[in-house]
C-alpha cells in the first residue's frame, strides 16, 4: 500500500476517532484496525453504517481505518464521517449528495460532565422531608 496513492481523512463521534484512508479499488473492501469490518464490528448493522457513503454513491474504494476510543457504534459512525470527508476531497461534486443525507455533519452529542454536589450530570441526591 506504500506505493499506492490514497486520500486520508479524520472522523469523530463522542470519544471515538477514526483515521480513514481511501484507495481506488474494483470492489469495496474495508479493514478496521487490521481486521475486516465484518470481523471487527459485532453487528452487521454497524458495518452498513460504516459503508453507507459508498453504498449511497455507488462507488468502490478500498478503505483502511484506524479507530480509537468510544464504543462500536460511535466507531462505525466516526468511520462513516471519515469516509465521507475523504470522498469529498477526491470528488468535490459528491459533497451535495453526502450533505443532504447528513454524512458530513459531526454529531455534537457527547456525555455531559458530572457536577459537584450532584450524583450525576443532573441527578440530584434523593430529597428527604424529615
N, C-alpha and C. Protein backbone atom coordinates (compact mmCIF):
# COMPACT_ATOMS: atom_id res chain seq x y z
N UNK A 1 0.81 -1.19 0.00
CA UNK A 1 0.00 0.00 0.00
C UNK A 1 0.87 1.27 0.00
N UNK A 2 2.16 1.10 0.26
CA UNK A 2 3.04 2.26 0.32
C UNK A 2 3.19 2.92 -1.06
N UNK A 3 3.15 2.11 -2.14
CA UNK A 3 3.33 2.70 -3.46
C UNK A 3 2.02 3.25 -4.03
N UNK A 4 0.85 2.84 -3.48
CA UNK A 4 -0.43 3.32 -3.99
C UNK A 4 -0.74 4.70 -3.43
N UNK A 5 -1.52 5.46 -4.20
CA UNK A 5 -1.96 6.77 -3.75
C UNK A 5 -3.23 6.58 -2.93
N UNK A 6 -3.34 7.34 -1.86
CA UNK A 6 -4.54 7.26 -1.03
C UNK A 6 -4.94 8.65 -0.57
N UNK A 7 -6.17 8.76 -0.12
CA UNK A 7 -6.69 10.00 0.45
C UNK A 7 -7.04 9.73 1.89
N UNK A 8 -6.60 10.61 2.78
CA UNK A 8 -6.81 10.39 4.21
C UNK A 8 -7.73 11.46 4.78
N UNK A 9 -8.59 11.05 5.73
CA UNK A 9 -9.48 11.98 6.42
C UNK A 9 -9.73 11.46 7.83
N UNK A 10 -10.18 12.36 8.70
CA UNK A 10 -10.46 12.01 10.09
C UNK A 10 -11.93 12.20 10.37
N UNK A 11 -12.52 11.24 11.08
CA UNK A 11 -13.91 11.35 11.51
C UNK A 11 -13.98 11.15 13.01
N UNK A 12 -14.88 11.87 13.67
CA UNK A 12 -15.03 11.75 15.13
C UNK A 12 -16.50 11.62 15.52
N UNK A 13 -16.75 10.95 16.64
CA UNK A 13 -18.09 10.83 17.20
C UNK A 13 -17.92 10.49 18.66
N UNK A 14 -18.51 11.29 19.57
CA UNK A 14 -18.33 11.13 21.01
C UNK A 14 -16.83 11.09 21.31
N UNK A 15 -16.31 9.97 21.83
CA UNK A 15 -14.87 9.91 22.11
C UNK A 15 -14.14 9.03 21.09
N UNK A 16 -14.84 8.58 20.06
CA UNK A 16 -14.22 7.74 19.03
C UNK A 16 -13.59 8.61 17.95
N UNK A 17 -12.40 8.24 17.52
CA UNK A 17 -11.70 8.94 16.45
C UNK A 17 -11.25 7.91 15.41
N UNK A 18 -11.58 8.17 14.15
CA UNK A 18 -11.20 7.26 13.07
C UNK A 18 -10.33 7.99 12.07
N UNK A 19 -9.20 7.38 11.73
CA UNK A 19 -8.35 7.88 10.65
C UNK A 19 -8.57 6.95 9.47
N UNK A 20 -9.14 7.49 8.41
CA UNK A 20 -9.60 6.68 7.28
C UNK A 20 -8.75 6.97 6.04
N UNK A 21 -8.37 5.91 5.34
CA UNK A 21 -7.64 6.05 4.08
C UNK A 21 -8.43 5.36 2.98
N UNK A 22 -8.64 6.09 1.88
CA UNK A 22 -9.34 5.55 0.72
C UNK A 22 -8.34 5.32 -0.40
N UNK A 23 -8.42 4.13 -1.01
CA UNK A 23 -7.58 3.79 -2.15
C UNK A 23 -8.50 3.28 -3.25
N UNK A 24 -8.20 3.63 -4.50
CA UNK A 24 -9.00 3.14 -5.61
C UNK A 24 -8.98 1.61 -5.65
N UNK A 25 -10.17 1.02 -5.92
CA UNK A 25 -10.28 -0.44 -5.99
C UNK A 25 -11.44 -0.81 -6.89
N UNK A 26 -11.41 -2.06 -7.39
CA UNK A 26 -12.51 -2.55 -8.23
C UNK A 26 -13.76 -2.80 -7.39
N UNK A 27 -13.58 -3.38 -6.20
CA UNK A 27 -14.71 -3.65 -5.30
C UNK A 27 -14.43 -3.01 -3.95
N UNK A 28 -15.49 -2.64 -3.25
CA UNK A 28 -15.35 -2.01 -1.94
C UNK A 28 -14.91 -3.05 -0.92
N UNK A 29 -13.92 -2.68 -0.13
CA UNK A 29 -13.49 -3.53 0.98
C UNK A 29 -13.06 -2.62 2.12
N UNK A 30 -13.18 -3.12 3.34
CA UNK A 30 -12.85 -2.29 4.49
C UNK A 30 -12.09 -3.10 5.52
N UNK A 31 -10.98 -2.54 5.98
CA UNK A 31 -10.27 -3.11 7.13
C UNK A 31 -10.31 -2.09 8.24
N UNK A 32 -10.61 -2.57 9.45
CA UNK A 32 -10.68 -1.71 10.63
C UNK A 32 -9.71 -2.27 11.65
N UNK A 33 -8.70 -1.51 11.99
CA UNK A 33 -7.66 -1.93 12.94
C UNK A 33 -7.07 -3.30 12.56
N UNK A 34 -6.84 -3.51 11.27
CA UNK A 34 -6.20 -4.73 10.82
C UNK A 34 -7.13 -5.91 10.59
N UNK A 35 -8.42 -5.78 10.90
CA UNK A 35 -9.40 -6.85 10.68
C UNK A 35 -10.40 -6.39 9.63
N UNK A 36 -11.11 -7.35 9.04
CA UNK A 36 -12.18 -6.95 8.12
C UNK A 36 -13.30 -6.32 8.94
N UNK A 37 -14.12 -5.50 8.30
CA UNK A 37 -15.20 -4.82 9.01
C UNK A 37 -16.17 -5.83 9.62
N UNK A 38 -16.43 -6.94 8.91
CA UNK A 38 -17.35 -7.95 9.43
C UNK A 38 -16.80 -8.63 10.68
N UNK A 39 -15.49 -8.80 10.76
CA UNK A 39 -14.86 -9.38 11.95
C UNK A 39 -14.85 -8.38 13.10
N UNK A 40 -14.58 -7.11 12.79
CA UNK A 40 -14.38 -6.10 13.83
C UNK A 40 -15.68 -5.71 14.52
N UNK A 41 -16.74 -5.44 13.73
CA UNK A 41 -17.99 -4.97 14.32
C UNK A 41 -18.86 -6.16 14.70
N UNK A 42 -19.46 -6.11 15.91
CA UNK A 42 -20.25 -7.25 16.38
C UNK A 42 -21.59 -7.42 15.66
N UNK A 43 -22.15 -6.34 15.09
CA UNK A 43 -23.45 -6.41 14.43
C UNK A 43 -23.33 -5.99 12.97
N UNK A 44 -24.07 -6.66 12.08
CA UNK A 44 -24.00 -6.29 10.66
C UNK A 44 -24.53 -4.88 10.39
N UNK A 45 -25.41 -4.38 11.23
CA UNK A 45 -25.93 -3.02 11.07
C UNK A 45 -24.83 -1.97 11.19
N UNK A 46 -23.85 -2.23 12.02
CA UNK A 46 -22.74 -1.30 12.19
C UNK A 46 -21.86 -1.26 10.95
N UNK A 47 -21.72 -2.40 10.29
CA UNK A 47 -20.95 -2.46 9.04
C UNK A 47 -21.68 -1.63 7.98
N UNK A 48 -23.02 -1.75 7.94
CA UNK A 48 -23.81 -0.97 6.98
C UNK A 48 -23.68 0.53 7.25
N UNK A 49 -23.66 0.93 8.54
CA UNK A 49 -23.49 2.35 8.89
C UNK A 49 -22.15 2.86 8.38
N UNK A 50 -21.10 2.08 8.59
CA UNK A 50 -19.76 2.50 8.17
C UNK A 50 -19.65 2.57 6.64
N UNK A 51 -20.29 1.63 5.92
CA UNK A 51 -20.23 1.58 4.46
C UNK A 51 -21.22 2.51 3.77
N UNK A 52 -22.11 3.16 4.52
CA UNK A 52 -23.23 3.94 3.95
C UNK A 52 -22.82 4.92 2.84
N UNK A 53 -21.78 5.74 3.01
CA UNK A 53 -21.44 6.69 1.93
C UNK A 53 -21.09 6.00 0.62
N UNK A 54 -20.40 4.86 0.70
CA UNK A 54 -20.03 4.13 -0.51
C UNK A 54 -21.27 3.53 -1.17
N UNK A 55 -22.20 3.02 -0.37
CA UNK A 55 -23.42 2.42 -0.89
C UNK A 55 -24.30 3.47 -1.57
N UNK A 56 -24.46 4.62 -0.91
CA UNK A 56 -25.33 5.68 -1.42
C UNK A 56 -24.82 6.21 -2.76
N UNK A 57 -23.52 6.43 -2.84
CA UNK A 57 -22.95 7.00 -4.07
C UNK A 57 -22.68 5.94 -5.14
N UNK A 58 -22.66 4.68 -4.75
CA UNK A 58 -22.40 3.61 -5.71
C UNK A 58 -20.97 3.59 -6.20
N UNK A 59 -20.04 4.01 -5.36
CA UNK A 59 -18.62 4.00 -5.73
C UNK A 59 -17.91 2.88 -4.96
N UNK A 60 -16.74 2.51 -5.41
CA UNK A 60 -16.00 1.46 -4.70
C UNK A 60 -14.58 1.93 -4.42
N UNK A 61 -14.21 1.81 -3.17
CA UNK A 61 -12.87 2.15 -2.70
C UNK A 61 -12.44 1.08 -1.71
N UNK A 62 -11.14 0.90 -1.59
CA UNK A 62 -10.60 0.07 -0.52
C UNK A 62 -10.41 1.02 0.66
N UNK A 63 -11.02 0.70 1.78
CA UNK A 63 -10.99 1.56 2.96
C UNK A 63 -10.14 0.92 4.03
N UNK A 64 -9.23 1.68 4.57
CA UNK A 64 -8.42 1.24 5.70
C UNK A 64 -8.64 2.24 6.82
N UNK A 65 -9.11 1.77 7.98
CA UNK A 65 -9.44 2.67 9.08
C UNK A 65 -8.72 2.25 10.36
N UNK A 66 -8.20 3.25 11.06
CA UNK A 66 -7.63 3.04 12.40
C UNK A 66 -8.54 3.79 13.36
N UNK A 67 -9.14 3.06 14.30
CA UNK A 67 -10.13 3.65 15.19
C UNK A 67 -9.68 3.50 16.62
N UNK A 68 -9.92 4.57 17.41
CA UNK A 68 -9.59 4.54 18.84
C UNK A 68 -10.73 5.18 19.63
N UNK A 69 -10.95 4.68 20.83
CA UNK A 69 -11.91 5.28 21.75
C UNK A 69 -13.36 4.96 21.41
N UNK A 70 -14.23 5.23 22.36
CA UNK A 70 -15.66 5.06 22.14
C UNK A 70 -16.09 3.61 22.05
N UNK A 71 -17.35 3.40 21.77
CA UNK A 71 -17.89 2.06 21.58
C UNK A 71 -17.97 1.73 20.11
N UNK A 72 -18.46 0.53 19.80
CA UNK A 72 -18.51 0.09 18.41
C UNK A 72 -19.41 0.98 17.56
N UNK A 73 -20.55 1.41 18.09
CA UNK A 73 -21.48 2.23 17.30
C UNK A 73 -20.84 3.59 16.99
N UNK A 74 -20.24 4.22 17.97
CA UNK A 74 -19.58 5.51 17.75
C UNK A 74 -18.41 5.35 16.78
N UNK A 75 -17.71 4.23 16.86
CA UNK A 75 -16.60 3.99 15.93
C UNK A 75 -17.10 3.85 14.50
N UNK A 76 -18.22 3.14 14.33
CA UNK A 76 -18.80 2.98 13.00
C UNK A 76 -19.21 4.33 12.42
N UNK A 77 -19.82 5.18 13.25
CA UNK A 77 -20.24 6.50 12.78
C UNK A 77 -19.05 7.41 12.51
N UNK A 78 -17.98 7.26 13.28
CA UNK A 78 -16.79 8.07 13.00
C UNK A 78 -16.12 7.63 11.70
N UNK A 79 -16.16 6.34 11.40
CA UNK A 79 -15.63 5.85 10.12
C UNK A 79 -16.47 6.40 8.98
N UNK A 80 -17.81 6.42 9.16
CA UNK A 80 -18.70 6.96 8.13
C UNK A 80 -18.36 8.41 7.82
N UNK A 81 -18.12 9.22 8.85
CA UNK A 81 -17.76 10.63 8.64
C UNK A 81 -16.41 10.74 7.94
N UNK A 82 -15.45 9.92 8.35
CA UNK A 82 -14.13 9.94 7.72
C UNK A 82 -14.18 9.57 6.25
N UNK A 83 -14.97 8.54 5.92
CA UNK A 83 -15.11 8.13 4.51
C UNK A 83 -15.75 9.26 3.71
N UNK A 84 -16.79 9.87 4.27
CA UNK A 84 -17.48 10.96 3.57
C UNK A 84 -16.53 12.12 3.30
N UNK A 85 -15.74 12.50 4.28
CA UNK A 85 -14.80 13.60 4.10
C UNK A 85 -13.75 13.26 3.05
N UNK A 86 -13.28 12.01 3.04
CA UNK A 86 -12.27 11.61 2.06
C UNK A 86 -12.86 11.61 0.64
N UNK A 87 -14.12 11.17 0.51
CA UNK A 87 -14.76 11.17 -0.81
C UNK A 87 -14.90 12.60 -1.33
N UNK A 88 -15.29 13.52 -0.44
CA UNK A 88 -15.44 14.92 -0.86
C UNK A 88 -14.09 15.49 -1.30
N UNK A 89 -13.02 15.06 -0.63
CA UNK A 89 -11.68 15.52 -1.02
C UNK A 89 -11.31 15.01 -2.42
N UNK A 90 -11.72 13.77 -2.72
CA UNK A 90 -11.43 13.18 -4.03
C UNK A 90 -12.35 13.73 -5.12
N UNK A 91 -13.66 13.77 -4.83
CA UNK A 91 -14.66 14.17 -5.82
C UNK A 91 -15.56 15.24 -5.21
N UNK A 92 -15.20 16.52 -5.33
CA UNK A 92 -15.96 17.59 -4.69
C UNK A 92 -17.43 17.67 -5.14
N UNK A 93 -17.76 17.12 -6.32
CA UNK A 93 -19.15 17.17 -6.81
C UNK A 93 -20.08 16.31 -5.94
N UNK A 94 -19.52 15.34 -5.22
CA UNK A 94 -20.34 14.45 -4.39
C UNK A 94 -20.76 15.09 -3.07
N UNK A 95 -20.23 16.27 -2.77
CA UNK A 95 -20.48 16.92 -1.48
C UNK A 95 -21.97 17.11 -1.21
N UNK A 96 -22.72 17.56 -2.21
CA UNK A 96 -24.13 17.86 -2.03
C UNK A 96 -24.92 16.60 -1.64
N UNK A 97 -24.67 15.49 -2.34
CA UNK A 97 -25.37 14.24 -2.03
C UNK A 97 -25.08 13.77 -0.60
N UNK A 98 -23.83 13.86 -0.19
CA UNK A 98 -23.46 13.43 1.16
C UNK A 98 -24.03 14.38 2.22
N UNK A 99 -24.03 15.66 1.91
CA UNK A 99 -24.52 16.65 2.87
C UNK A 99 -26.02 16.50 3.11
N UNK A 100 -26.78 16.24 2.04
CA UNK A 100 -28.23 16.06 2.17
C UNK A 100 -28.55 14.90 3.10
N UNK A 101 -27.77 13.83 3.02
CA UNK A 101 -28.02 12.65 3.85
C UNK A 101 -27.44 12.78 5.26
N UNK A 102 -26.73 13.87 5.53
CA UNK A 102 -26.20 14.11 6.87
C UNK A 102 -24.89 13.40 7.17
N UNK A 103 -24.21 12.90 6.14
CA UNK A 103 -22.97 12.17 6.36
C UNK A 103 -21.78 13.08 6.63
N UNK A 104 -21.91 14.38 6.35
CA UNK A 104 -20.79 15.31 6.56
C UNK A 104 -20.93 16.08 7.86
N UNK A 105 -21.99 15.82 8.62
CA UNK A 105 -22.21 16.53 9.88
C UNK A 105 -21.65 15.72 11.02
N UNK A 106 -20.80 16.34 11.83
CA UNK A 106 -20.28 15.68 13.01
C UNK A 106 -21.35 15.76 14.09
N UNK A 107 -21.74 14.63 14.65
CA UNK A 107 -22.77 14.59 15.69
C UNK A 107 -22.19 15.20 16.96
N UNK A 108 -22.71 16.34 17.42
CA UNK A 108 -22.10 17.04 18.55
C UNK A 108 -22.44 16.46 19.92
N UNK A 109 -23.40 15.52 19.96
CA UNK A 109 -23.82 14.99 21.27
C UNK A 109 -22.70 14.21 21.92
N UNK A 110 -22.48 14.47 23.19
CA UNK A 110 -21.46 13.76 23.96
C UNK A 110 -21.92 13.69 25.40
N UNK A 111 -21.27 12.89 26.19
CA UNK A 111 -21.65 12.73 27.59
C UNK A 111 -21.39 14.03 28.35
N UNK A 112 -22.37 14.44 29.12
CA UNK A 112 -22.25 15.66 29.91
C UNK A 112 -21.47 15.36 31.18
N UNK A 113 -20.63 16.27 31.60
CA UNK A 113 -19.80 16.02 32.77
C UNK A 113 -20.62 16.05 34.05
N UNK A 114 -20.15 15.32 35.06
CA UNK A 114 -20.77 15.31 36.37
C UNK A 114 -20.44 16.61 37.09
N UNK A 115 -21.45 17.18 37.75
CA UNK A 115 -21.23 18.41 38.52
C UNK A 115 -21.10 18.08 40.00
N UNK A 116 -20.33 18.90 40.71
CA UNK A 116 -20.16 18.67 42.15
C UNK A 116 -21.48 18.93 42.87
N UNK A 117 -21.70 18.19 43.95
CA UNK A 117 -22.94 18.31 44.70
C UNK A 117 -24.07 17.45 44.13
N UNK A 118 -23.85 16.87 42.95
CA UNK A 118 -24.84 16.01 42.33
C UNK A 118 -24.29 14.60 42.19
N UNK A 119 -25.19 13.64 41.97
CA UNK A 119 -24.75 12.25 41.81
C UNK A 119 -24.33 11.93 40.38
N UNK A 120 -24.87 12.70 39.43
CA UNK A 120 -24.50 12.55 38.02
C UNK A 120 -24.53 13.94 37.41
N UNK A 121 -24.62 14.03 36.08
CA UNK A 121 -24.61 15.34 35.43
C UNK A 121 -25.75 16.22 35.93
N UNK A 122 -26.95 15.64 36.06
CA UNK A 122 -28.10 16.42 36.52
C UNK A 122 -28.85 15.77 37.67
N UNK A 123 -28.51 14.55 37.98
CA UNK A 123 -29.20 13.80 39.03
C UNK A 123 -28.80 14.31 40.40
N UNK A 124 -29.77 14.86 41.13
CA UNK A 124 -29.52 15.38 42.48
C UNK A 124 -29.68 14.25 43.49
N UNK A 125 -29.07 14.39 44.66
CA UNK A 125 -29.27 13.38 45.70
C UNK A 125 -30.76 13.32 46.07
N UNK A 126 -31.20 12.16 46.52
CA UNK A 126 -32.61 12.00 46.91
C UNK A 126 -32.95 12.95 48.03
N UNK A 127 -34.11 13.60 47.90
CA UNK A 127 -34.54 14.58 48.89
C UNK A 127 -35.40 13.90 49.93
N UNK A 128 -35.14 14.21 51.18
CA UNK A 128 -35.93 13.65 52.28
C UNK A 128 -36.55 14.79 53.07
N UNK A 129 -37.85 14.68 53.29
CA UNK A 129 -38.56 15.75 54.01
C UNK A 129 -38.14 15.76 55.48
N UNK A 130 -37.97 14.59 56.08
CA UNK A 130 -37.58 14.51 57.51
C UNK A 130 -36.34 13.68 57.72
